[in-house]
């Protein structure tokens, strides 16, 4: 199967309140799911089909439902986290502990 990724710019002034809320919900659910994958002990064994994630609220944890993002997006988020951790591991082994990028995309120290 071939997949294509499209990056789009959305003119927020032309969106209705419902569509703006939907886009905000997508962002927050992806962020919560991303944090749940990182917090899990076994990244590759994390169940991407889960319908709820734990969110830390002050000193306690709350369960939040994941209703907007699909399981395909959840699977890609899990793979993205796994790839990021592997890339950070390689950089750490090379001795590049602190790495940042300027606005032009060049590495700086």
C-alpha atoms as a PDB file:
ATOM      1  CA  UNK A   1       0.000   0.000   0.000  1.00  0.00           C
ATOM      2  CA  UNK A   2       1.308   3.483  -0.826  1.00  0.00           C
ATOM      3  CA  UNK A   3       0.656   6.358   1.529  1.00  0.00           C
ATOM      4  CA  UNK A   4       0.938  10.046   0.820  1.00  0.00           C
ATOM      5  CA  UNK A   5       1.406  12.789   3.376  1.00  0.00           C
ATOM      6  CA  UNK A   6       0.118  16.266   2.669  1.00  0.00           C
ATOM      7  CA  UNK A   7       1.004  19.362   4.680  1.00  0.00           C
ATOM      8  CA  UNK A   8      -1.741  21.940   4.435  1.00  0.00           C
ATOM      9  CA  UNK A   9      -2.174  25.464   5.673  1.00  0.00           C
ATOM     10  CA  UNK A  10      -5.658  26.244   6.880  1.00  0.00           C
ATOM     11  CA  UNK A  11      -7.122  29.729   6.899  1.00  0.00           C
ATOM     12  CA  UNK A  12      -8.649  29.777  10.390  1.00  0.00           C
ATOM     13  CA  UNK A  13     -10.755  32.860   9.646  1.00  0.00           C
ATOM     14  CA  UNK A  14     -12.882  30.806   7.245  1.00  0.00           C
ATOM     15  CA  UNK A  15     -13.574  27.926   9.641  1.00  0.00           C
ATOM     16  CA  UNK A  16     -16.722  27.594  11.667  1.00  0.00           C
ATOM     17  CA  UNK A  17     -16.538  27.309  15.465  1.00  0.00           C
ATOM     18  CA  UNK A  18     -17.246  23.571  15.247  1.00  0.00           C
ATOM     19  CA  UNK A  19     -14.384  22.978  12.799  1.00  0.00           C
ATOM     20  CA  UNK A  20     -11.987  25.062  14.906  1.00  0.00           C
ATOM     21  CA  UNK A  21     -12.953  23.008  17.966  1.00  0.00           C
ATOM     22  CA  UNK A  22     -12.441  19.803  15.976  1.00  0.00           C
ATOM     23  CA  UNK A  23      -8.934  20.870  14.883  1.00  0.00           C
ATOM     24  CA  UNK A  24      -8.058  21.822  18.466  1.00  0.00           C
ATOM     25  CA  UNK A  25      -9.379  18.447  19.626  1.00  0.00           C
ATOM     26  CA  UNK A  26      -7.172  16.658  17.087  1.00  0.00           C
ATOM     27  CA  UNK A  27      -4.133  18.487  18.397  1.00  0.00           C
ATOM     28  CA  UNK A  28      -4.876  17.776  22.061  1.00  0.00           C
ATOM     29  CA  UNK A  29      -5.739  14.123  21.514  1.00  0.00           C
ATOM     30  CA  UNK A  30      -2.542  13.535  19.543  1.00  0.00           C
ATOM     31  CA  UNK A  31      -0.577  15.265  22.284  1.00  0.00           C
ATOM     32  CA  UNK A  32      -2.227  13.155  25.008  1.00  0.00           C
ATOM     33  CA  UNK A  33      -1.688   9.951  23.073  1.00  0.00           C
ATOM     34  CA  UNK A  34       1.923  10.886  22.372  1.00  0.00           C
ATOM     35  CA  UNK A  35       2.527  11.485  26.090  1.00  0.00           C
ATOM     36  CA  UNK A  36       0.846   8.178  26.976  1.00  0.00           C
ATOM     37  CA  UNK A  37       3.122   6.280  24.586  1.00  0.00           C
ATOM     38  CA  UNK A  38       6.197   7.974  26.043  1.00  0.00           C
ATOM     39  CA  UNK A  39       5.048   7.264  29.620  1.00  0.00           C
ATOM     40  CA  UNK A  40       4.512   3.573  28.924  1.00  0.00           C
ATOM     41  CA  UNK A  41       7.285   1.163  29.838  1.00  0.00           C
ATOM     42  CA  UNK A  42       7.156  -0.875  26.611  1.00  0.00           C
ATOM     43  CA  UNK A  43       6.895   1.443  23.603  1.00  0.00           C
ATOM     44  CA  UNK A  44       6.615  -1.165  20.880  1.00  0.00           C
ATOM     45  CA  UNK A  45       4.061  -3.170  22.882  1.00  0.00           C
ATOM     46  CA  UNK A  46       1.839  -0.147  23.618  1.00  0.00           C
ATOM     47  CA  UNK A  47      -1.729  -0.881  22.540  1.00  0.00           C
ATOM     48  CA  UNK A  48      -2.571   1.748  19.947  1.00  0.00           C
ATOM     49  CA  UNK A  49      -6.220   0.652  19.867  1.00  0.00           C
ATOM     50  CA  UNK A  50      -6.845   1.867  23.402  1.00  0.00           C
ATOM     51  CA  UNK A  51      -9.787   4.219  23.815  1.00  0.00           C
ATOM     52  CA  UNK A  52      -8.572   6.024  26.959  1.00  0.00           C
ATOM     53  CA  UNK A  53      -5.283   7.450  28.171  1.00  0.00           C
ATOM     54  CA  UNK A  54      -4.138   8.604  31.600  1.00  0.00           C
ATOM     55  CA  UNK A  55      -3.467  12.320  31.920  1.00  0.00           C
ATOM     56  CA  UNK A  56      -1.646  13.766  34.917  1.00  0.00           C
ATOM     57  CA  UNK A  57      -3.690  16.502  36.527  1.00  0.00           C
ATOM     58  CA  UNK A  58      -1.789  18.222  39.366  1.00  0.00           C
ATOM     59  CA  UNK A  59      -0.857  15.233  41.570  1.00  0.00           C
ATOM     60  CA  UNK A  60      -3.496  12.759  40.356  1.00  0.00           C
ATOM     61  CA  UNK A  61      -4.192  10.968  37.103  1.00  0.00           C
ATOM     62  CA  UNK A  62      -7.388  11.262  35.050  1.00  0.00           C
ATOM     63  CA  UNK A  63      -8.646   8.994  32.294  1.00  0.00           C
ATOM     64  CA  UNK A  64      -9.402  10.846  29.057  1.00  0.00           C
ATOM     65  CA  UNK A  65     -11.225   9.342  26.084  1.00  0.00           C
ATOM     66  CA  UNK A  66      -9.652   9.325  22.644  1.00  0.00           C
ATOM     67  CA  UNK A  67     -12.535   9.874  20.242  1.00  0.00           C
ATOM     68  CA  UNK A  68     -11.261  11.976  17.345  1.00  0.00           C
ATOM     69  CA  UNK A  69      -8.020  10.384  16.144  1.00  0.00           C
ATOM     70  CA  UNK A  70      -8.251   7.066  14.335  1.00  0.00           C
ATOM     71  CA  UNK A  71      -6.273   3.928  15.085  1.00  0.00           C
ATOM     72  CA  UNK A  72      -4.158   4.546  11.972  1.00  0.00           C
ATOM     73  CA  UNK A  73      -3.041   7.904  13.356  1.00  0.00           C
ATOM     74  CA  UNK A  74      -2.417   6.298  16.750  1.00  0.00           C
ATOM     75  CA  UNK A  75      -0.230   3.667  15.112  1.00  0.00           C
ATOM     76  CA  UNK A  76       1.765   6.339  13.291  1.00  0.00           C
ATOM     77  CA  UNK A  77       2.195   8.314  16.529  1.00  0.00           C
ATOM     78  CA  UNK A  78       3.554   5.201  18.248  1.00  0.00           C
ATOM     79  CA  UNK A  79       5.981   4.617  15.352  1.00  0.00           C
ATOM     80  CA  UNK A  80       7.016   8.279  15.383  1.00  0.00           C
ATOM     81  CA  UNK A  81       7.836   8.139  19.107  1.00  0.00           C
ATOM     82  CA  UNK A  82       9.806   4.942  18.578  1.00  0.00           C
ATOM     83  CA  UNK A  83      11.793   6.532  15.712  1.00  0.00           C
ATOM     84  CA  UNK A  84      12.473   9.658  17.767  1.00  0.00           C
ATOM     85  CA  UNK A  85      13.809   7.658  20.687  1.00  0.00           C
ATOM     86  CA  UNK A  86      16.066   5.637  18.384  1.00  0.00           C
ATOM     87  CA  UNK A  87      17.394   8.819  16.767  1.00  0.00           C
ATOM     88  CA  UNK A  88      18.090  10.370  20.167  1.00  0.00           C
ATOM     89  CA  UNK A  89      19.901   7.202  21.201  1.00  0.00           C
ATOM     90  CA  UNK A  90      22.153   7.385  18.139  1.00  0.00           C
ATOM     91  CA  UNK A  91      22.909  11.066  18.804  1.00  0.00           C
ATOM     92  CA  UNK A  92      23.687  10.264  22.429  1.00  0.00           C
ATOM     93  CA  UNK A  93      26.100   7.493  21.394  1.00  0.00           C
ATOM     94  CA  UNK A  94      27.875   9.931  19.067  1.00  0.00           C
ATOM     95  CA  UNK A  95      28.301  12.358  21.939  1.00  0.00           C
ATOM     96  CA  UNK A  96      25.891  14.983  20.667  1.00  0.00           C
ATOM     97  CA  UNK A  97      24.045  15.514  23.930  1.00  0.00           C
ATOM     98  CA  UNK A  98      22.634  18.937  23.235  1.00  0.00           C
ATOM     99  CA  UNK A  99      21.401  19.727  19.784  1.00  0.00           C
ATOM    100  CA  UNK A 100      19.256  22.596  18.661  1.00  0.00           C
ATOM    101  CA  UNK A 101      18.220  24.034  15.347  1.00  0.00           C
ATOM    102  CA  UNK A 102      18.126  27.642  14.323  1.00  0.00           C
ATOM    103  CA  UNK A 103      15.331  28.979  12.185  1.00  0.00           C
ATOM    104  CA  UNK A 104      17.252  28.112   9.018  1.00  0.00           C
ATOM    105  CA  UNK A 105      17.413  24.424   9.987  1.00  0.00           C
ATOM    106  CA  UNK A 106      21.163  24.387  10.603  1.00  0.00           C
ATOM    107  CA  UNK A 107      22.483  22.635  13.694  1.00  0.00           C
ATOM    108  CA  UNK A 108      23.926  24.970  16.323  1.00  0.00           C
ATOM    109  CA  UNK A 109      25.649  24.479  19.683  1.00  0.00           C
END
